[in-house]
Protein backbone atom coordinates (compact mmCIF):
# COMPACT_ATOMS: atom_id res chain seq x y z
CA MET A 1 7.13 0.75 -37.07
CA ALA A 2 8.48 -1.24 -40.17
CA LEU A 3 10.68 -4.96 -40.35
CA LYS A 4 13.85 -4.10 -40.89
CA GLY A 5 16.63 -6.03 -42.54
CA LYS A 6 16.11 -9.08 -44.74
CA PRO A 7 14.46 -12.00 -43.17
CA ARG A 8 16.58 -15.67 -41.91
CA ASP A 9 17.78 -17.60 -44.54
CA MET A 10 16.02 -20.95 -42.22
CA ASN A 11 17.50 -23.41 -43.78
CA LYS A 12 20.92 -22.21 -43.11
CA TRP A 13 19.85 -21.77 -39.51
CA ARG A 14 18.40 -25.24 -39.13
CA GLU A 15 21.69 -26.36 -40.25
CA VAL A 16 23.08 -24.52 -37.50
CA LEU A 17 21.13 -25.74 -35.06
CA LEU A 18 20.58 -29.64 -35.85
CA ASP A 19 22.63 -32.03 -34.03
CA PRO A 20 21.95 -35.56 -33.06
CA ASN A 21 24.66 -36.34 -30.61
CA VAL A 22 23.79 -33.57 -28.06
CA HIS A 23 25.25 -34.68 -24.54
CA PHE A 24 25.85 -32.24 -21.80
CA PRO A 25 29.36 -33.13 -18.82
CA GLY A 26 28.61 -35.28 -16.63
CA GLU A 27 25.34 -37.08 -17.53
CA SER A 28 24.76 -40.70 -17.23
CA SER A 29 24.15 -43.13 -19.71
CA GLU A 30 20.56 -43.57 -17.30
CA TYR A 31 19.79 -40.07 -17.85
CA ARG A 32 20.39 -39.80 -21.69
CA ARG A 33 17.65 -42.61 -22.53
CA ALA A 34 15.44 -40.85 -20.10
CA ARG A 35 16.37 -37.75 -21.66
CA ASN A 36 16.16 -39.40 -25.13
CA GLU A 37 12.53 -40.69 -24.26
CA LEU A 38 11.23 -37.54 -23.13
CA LEU A 39 12.73 -35.43 -26.38
CA GLU A 40 9.98 -38.16 -28.22
CA ALA A 41 7.50 -36.90 -25.66
CA GLU A 42 8.36 -33.56 -26.09
CA ALA A 43 8.33 -34.04 -30.41
CA GLU A 44 4.72 -35.36 -29.80
CA LEU A 45 3.69 -32.56 -27.79
CA ARG A 46 4.93 -30.39 -30.14
CA ARG A 47 3.32 -31.84 -33.17
CA LEU A 48 0.06 -31.76 -31.13
CA ASN A 49 0.51 -27.94 -30.60
CA GLU A 50 1.10 -27.71 -34.05
CA GLN A 51 -2.14 -29.13 -34.68
CA VAL A 52 -4.41 -27.38 -32.99
CA ALA A 53 -3.14 -24.08 -33.62
CA ALA A 54 -3.71 -24.95 -36.86
CA GLN A 55 -7.51 -26.20 -35.51
CA ARG A 56 -7.52 -22.74 -34.07
CA ARG A 57 -6.61 -20.86 -37.16
CA ALA A 58 -8.95 -22.56 -39.28
CA LEU A 59 -12.45 -22.28 -37.43
CA PRO A 60 -15.22 -20.82 -39.02
CA ALA A 61 -16.17 -17.05 -38.55
CA GLY A 62 -17.91 -17.00 -35.03
CA GLY A 63 -20.31 -14.37 -34.13
CA LEU A 64 -20.56 -11.28 -35.35
CA ILE A 65 -19.85 -8.49 -31.90
CA ARG A 66 -23.75 -7.00 -30.55
CA GLU A 67 -22.69 -3.77 -30.78
CA ASP A 68 -19.75 -1.66 -31.29
CA TYR A 69 -19.02 -0.88 -27.64
CA VAL A 70 -17.73 2.12 -26.21
CA PHE A 71 -14.66 2.03 -23.63
CA GLU A 72 -12.92 4.54 -21.72
CA SER A 73 -9.19 4.98 -22.14
CA ALA A 74 -7.32 4.64 -18.96
CA ALA A 75 -4.67 7.44 -20.55
CA ASP A 76 -6.74 10.38 -21.00
CA GLY A 77 -10.49 9.34 -20.03
CA SER A 78 -11.35 9.95 -24.09
CA LYS A 79 -14.06 7.28 -25.45
CA VAL A 80 -12.58 4.79 -27.83
CA ARG A 81 -15.05 2.33 -29.73
CA PHE A 82 -14.63 -1.27 -30.14
CA SER A 83 -13.80 -0.93 -33.80
CA GLU A 84 -11.60 1.48 -33.35
CA LEU A 85 -9.30 -1.06 -31.87
CA PHE A 86 -8.35 -2.45 -34.83
CA ALA A 87 -5.52 -0.74 -36.97
CA SER A 88 -5.20 -0.60 -40.63
CA GLY A 89 -4.04 -3.54 -42.10
CA LYS A 90 -4.07 -5.42 -38.68
CA ASN A 91 -6.97 -8.01 -38.84
CA SER A 92 -6.57 -9.34 -35.55
CA LEU A 93 -7.67 -8.71 -31.97
CA VAL A 94 -6.45 -9.99 -28.70
CA ILE A 95 -8.01 -8.53 -25.55
CA TYR A 96 -7.21 -9.58 -22.05
CA ASN A 97 -9.77 -9.33 -19.50
CA MET A 98 -8.22 -8.38 -16.27
CA MET A 99 -9.64 -8.46 -12.81
CA PHE A 100 -9.24 -5.40 -11.71
CA PRO A 101 -11.20 -5.63 -8.92
CA ARG A 102 -10.26 -8.79 -7.72
CA TRP A 103 -12.17 -11.62 -7.35
CA SER A 104 -13.98 -11.26 -3.57
CA GLU A 105 -12.65 -13.63 -1.45
CA ASP A 106 -9.13 -12.89 -2.65
CA GLN A 107 -6.71 -12.44 0.56
CA ARG A 108 -3.64 -12.22 -0.99
CA ALA A 109 -1.46 -9.11 -0.57
CA GLY A 110 -2.82 -5.79 -2.57
CA ALA A 111 -0.20 -3.59 -4.27
CA PRO A 112 3.16 -3.03 -2.19
CA GLY A 113 2.37 1.19 -2.48
CA GLY A 114 1.00 4.03 -4.19
CA LYS A 115 -2.37 5.34 -4.65
CA THR A 116 -3.91 1.44 -5.59
CA ALA A 117 -2.73 0.34 -2.46
CA GLU A 118 -4.48 2.93 -0.73
CA LEU A 119 -7.83 1.29 -2.23
CA PRO A 120 -9.63 -1.46 0.00
CA LEU A 121 -8.31 -4.85 -0.96
CA VAL A 122 -11.46 -6.39 -2.78
CA GLU A 123 -11.23 -2.89 -4.86
CA GLN A 124 -7.40 -3.57 -5.81
CA PRO A 125 -6.21 -5.67 -9.01
CA CYS A 126 -5.91 -9.63 -9.17
CA PRO A 127 -2.03 -10.29 -8.23
CA SER A 128 -2.34 -13.21 -11.21
CA CYS A 129 -3.78 -10.59 -13.61
CA THR A 130 -1.07 -8.18 -12.62
CA SER A 131 1.38 -10.93 -13.17
CA VAL A 132 -0.03 -11.37 -16.99
CA VAL A 133 -0.12 -8.05 -17.62
CA ASP A 134 3.13 -7.47 -16.85
CA GLY A 135 4.61 -10.07 -19.33
CA LEU A 136 2.16 -8.61 -21.90
CA GLU A 137 3.97 -4.83 -21.13
CA GLY A 138 7.20 -6.31 -22.32
CA ALA A 139 5.44 -8.13 -25.49
CA ALA A 140 3.44 -5.48 -26.40
CA PHE A 141 6.11 -3.72 -28.69
CA HIS A 142 7.15 -6.69 -30.65
CA LEU A 143 3.32 -7.61 -30.81
CA ALA A 144 2.04 -4.50 -32.39
CA GLU A 145 4.12 -4.87 -35.86
CA ARG A 146 1.41 -7.97 -36.15
CA THR A 147 -1.51 -7.22 -34.45
CA ASN A 148 -3.84 -5.60 -32.24
CA LEU A 149 -3.59 -5.98 -28.46
CA VAL A 150 -5.81 -4.50 -25.46
CA VAL A 151 -6.16 -5.04 -21.58
CA ILE A 152 -9.46 -4.72 -20.39
CA ALA A 153 -10.83 -4.11 -16.90
CA LYS A 154 -14.16 -3.22 -14.91
CA THR A 155 -12.39 -0.54 -12.75
CA SER A 156 -12.58 3.37 -13.58
CA PRO A 157 -10.11 4.53 -16.51
CA ASP A 158 -8.22 6.64 -13.86
CA ARG A 159 -7.57 4.05 -11.64
CA LEU A 160 -6.25 1.64 -14.30
CA GLY A 161 -3.89 4.43 -15.52
CA THR A 162 -2.81 5.13 -11.88
CA TYR A 163 -2.24 1.36 -11.50
CA ALA A 164 -0.65 1.67 -15.03
CA LYS A 165 2.16 4.19 -14.00
CA GLU A 166 2.77 2.53 -11.15
CA ARG A 167 3.56 -1.07 -12.71
CA GLY A 168 5.70 0.50 -15.64
CA TRP A 169 3.06 -0.30 -17.91
CA ARG A 170 4.01 2.37 -21.01
CA ASN A 171 3.40 -0.01 -23.99
CA LEU A 172 -0.02 -1.44 -23.83
CA ARG A 173 -3.63 -0.21 -24.87
CA LEU A 174 -5.60 -0.27 -21.37
CA LEU A 175 -9.42 0.45 -21.53
CA SER A 176 -12.01 0.89 -18.70
CA SER A 177 -15.37 -1.12 -19.81
CA ARG A 178 -17.18 -0.11 -16.12
CA ASN A 179 -20.04 1.82 -18.71
CA ASN A 180 -20.85 -1.53 -21.27
CA THR A 181 -21.92 -4.96 -21.23
CA PHE A 182 -18.46 -6.42 -23.14
CA ASN A 183 -16.95 -8.15 -20.15
CA ARG A 184 -20.78 -10.19 -19.46
CA ASP A 185 -21.12 -10.56 -22.80
CA TYR A 186 -17.77 -11.96 -23.78
CA HIS A 187 -17.72 -14.71 -20.52
CA ALA A 188 -15.47 -12.06 -18.27
CA GLU A 189 -18.00 -11.74 -16.06
CA ALA A 190 -19.90 -13.91 -13.91
CA PRO A 191 -23.81 -13.63 -13.29
CA ASP A 192 -23.04 -12.19 -9.71
CA GLY A 193 -20.66 -9.75 -11.28
CA GLU A 194 -16.90 -11.24 -10.19
CA GLN A 195 -14.66 -10.43 -12.70
CA LEU A 196 -13.19 -13.02 -14.45
CA PRO A 197 -9.40 -13.37 -16.36
CA VAL A 198 -10.12 -14.15 -20.12
CA LEU A 199 -8.36 -14.42 -23.23
CA ASN A 200 -10.78 -13.28 -26.82
CA VAL A 201 -9.68 -12.86 -29.96
CA PHE A 202 -11.62 -11.14 -32.45
CA SER A 203 -11.18 -11.11 -36.25
CA ARG A 204 -12.41 -8.14 -38.78
CA ASP A 205 -13.01 -9.53 -42.69
CA GLU A 206 -15.36 -7.82 -44.92
CA ASN A 207 -18.96 -8.98 -42.99
CA GLY A 208 -17.25 -7.24 -39.99
CA VAL A 209 -15.97 -8.39 -36.59
CA HIS A 210 -16.41 -11.84 -35.78
CA HIS A 211 -15.32 -13.33 -32.77
CA HIS A 212 -12.86 -16.19 -33.09
CA TRP A 213 -11.61 -17.75 -30.18
CA ALA A 214 -11.75 -17.65 -26.26
CA SER A 215 -9.88 -19.52 -23.50
CA GLU A 216 -12.62 -21.72 -23.10
CA MET A 217 -10.72 -24.50 -21.28
CA THR A 218 -11.00 -22.21 -18.09
CA PHE A 219 -14.45 -23.24 -17.73
CA LYS A 220 -14.14 -26.52 -18.93
CA ARG A 221 -11.24 -27.05 -16.01
CA GLY A 222 -12.53 -24.68 -13.90
CA ASP A 223 -8.41 -23.33 -13.61
CA THR A 224 -6.62 -20.32 -15.77
CA SER A 225 -3.97 -22.96 -17.20
CA SER A 226 -5.59 -21.81 -20.66
CA LEU A 227 -4.41 -18.14 -20.19
CA ASP A 228 -0.59 -19.87 -20.84
CA PRO A 229 0.21 -18.85 -23.80
CA VAL A 230 0.40 -15.09 -22.55
CA TRP A 231 1.62 -16.17 -18.72
CA ALA A 232 5.34 -16.15 -19.03
CA ILE A 233 6.12 -17.37 -15.31
CA TYR A 234 4.67 -20.71 -15.57
CA GLY A 235 6.29 -22.06 -18.89
CA VAL A 236 9.61 -21.18 -16.87
CA LEU A 237 8.29 -23.15 -13.85
CA ASP A 238 7.15 -25.99 -15.45
CA LEU A 239 11.01 -26.66 -16.68
CA THR A 240 12.11 -26.88 -13.23
CA ARG A 241 11.93 -29.99 -11.24
CA GLU A 242 9.82 -28.39 -8.10
CA GLY A 243 7.41 -27.49 -11.48
CA ARG A 244 4.92 -24.35 -10.95
CA GLY A 245 3.53 -25.83 -7.46
CA ASP A 246 1.25 -24.18 -5.51
CA SER A 247 -0.68 -21.29 -7.46
CA ALA A 248 -2.79 -20.19 -4.30
CA ALA A 249 -0.74 -18.07 -2.72
CA TYR A 250 1.38 -16.94 -6.10
CA PRO A 251 1.76 -15.27 -7.87
CA ASN A 252 1.55 -12.10 -5.01
CA LEU A 253 2.41 -8.05 -5.68
CA GLN A 254 4.61 -8.05 -2.72
CA TYR A 255 7.43 -9.65 -3.21
């Protein structure tokens, strides 16, 4: 894959976008005052986001990986080593650990059909993780030009591959970690064996592969809002008057 065409002239594009006098049909002066106040808050939030992103990029090197973990490909069952997940010239690796199997107490509906639906509910994938991976599937083709992206699950490669076909996942690299300790080592598995949804990022340099960042906010807050950067549905819902609402029963596979 290679970039096509020429880069945009961002200065000219900025001139196209800038308009300090935007108004919308029928808005009241009260609405405009409140909206301008919100714009200031949104600008500050954007500044903080950029500051946090810079802090994240500037983290010192984390710990070297403990071993060259061996995974199984959901595509064909072949063995894949951790070191092989880095394509030439791409030194960052983003891994999403999906819960397949799901949390044992999750009573949301299971898969709507196919072979996955025949599994006991407790052995089926998490609906929320499915939603995350659905979104990553669409982004994977574009991300491949810049970085390495992998989805890992503790289930067998056959089950993972079958589910991928049922969901139409074609662009993602999907791996089974059933025969290694990666999930446990990088906090995608609780001490009792329950699977957890976690993002981990690794970085490769001349000294080897280091852990760079993880969605540790999950463990600080006790929720999965730290997955928001890769979970598009909540970004959209947060724009609405109703907001994201109660997520206890949402998302759900059987729409």
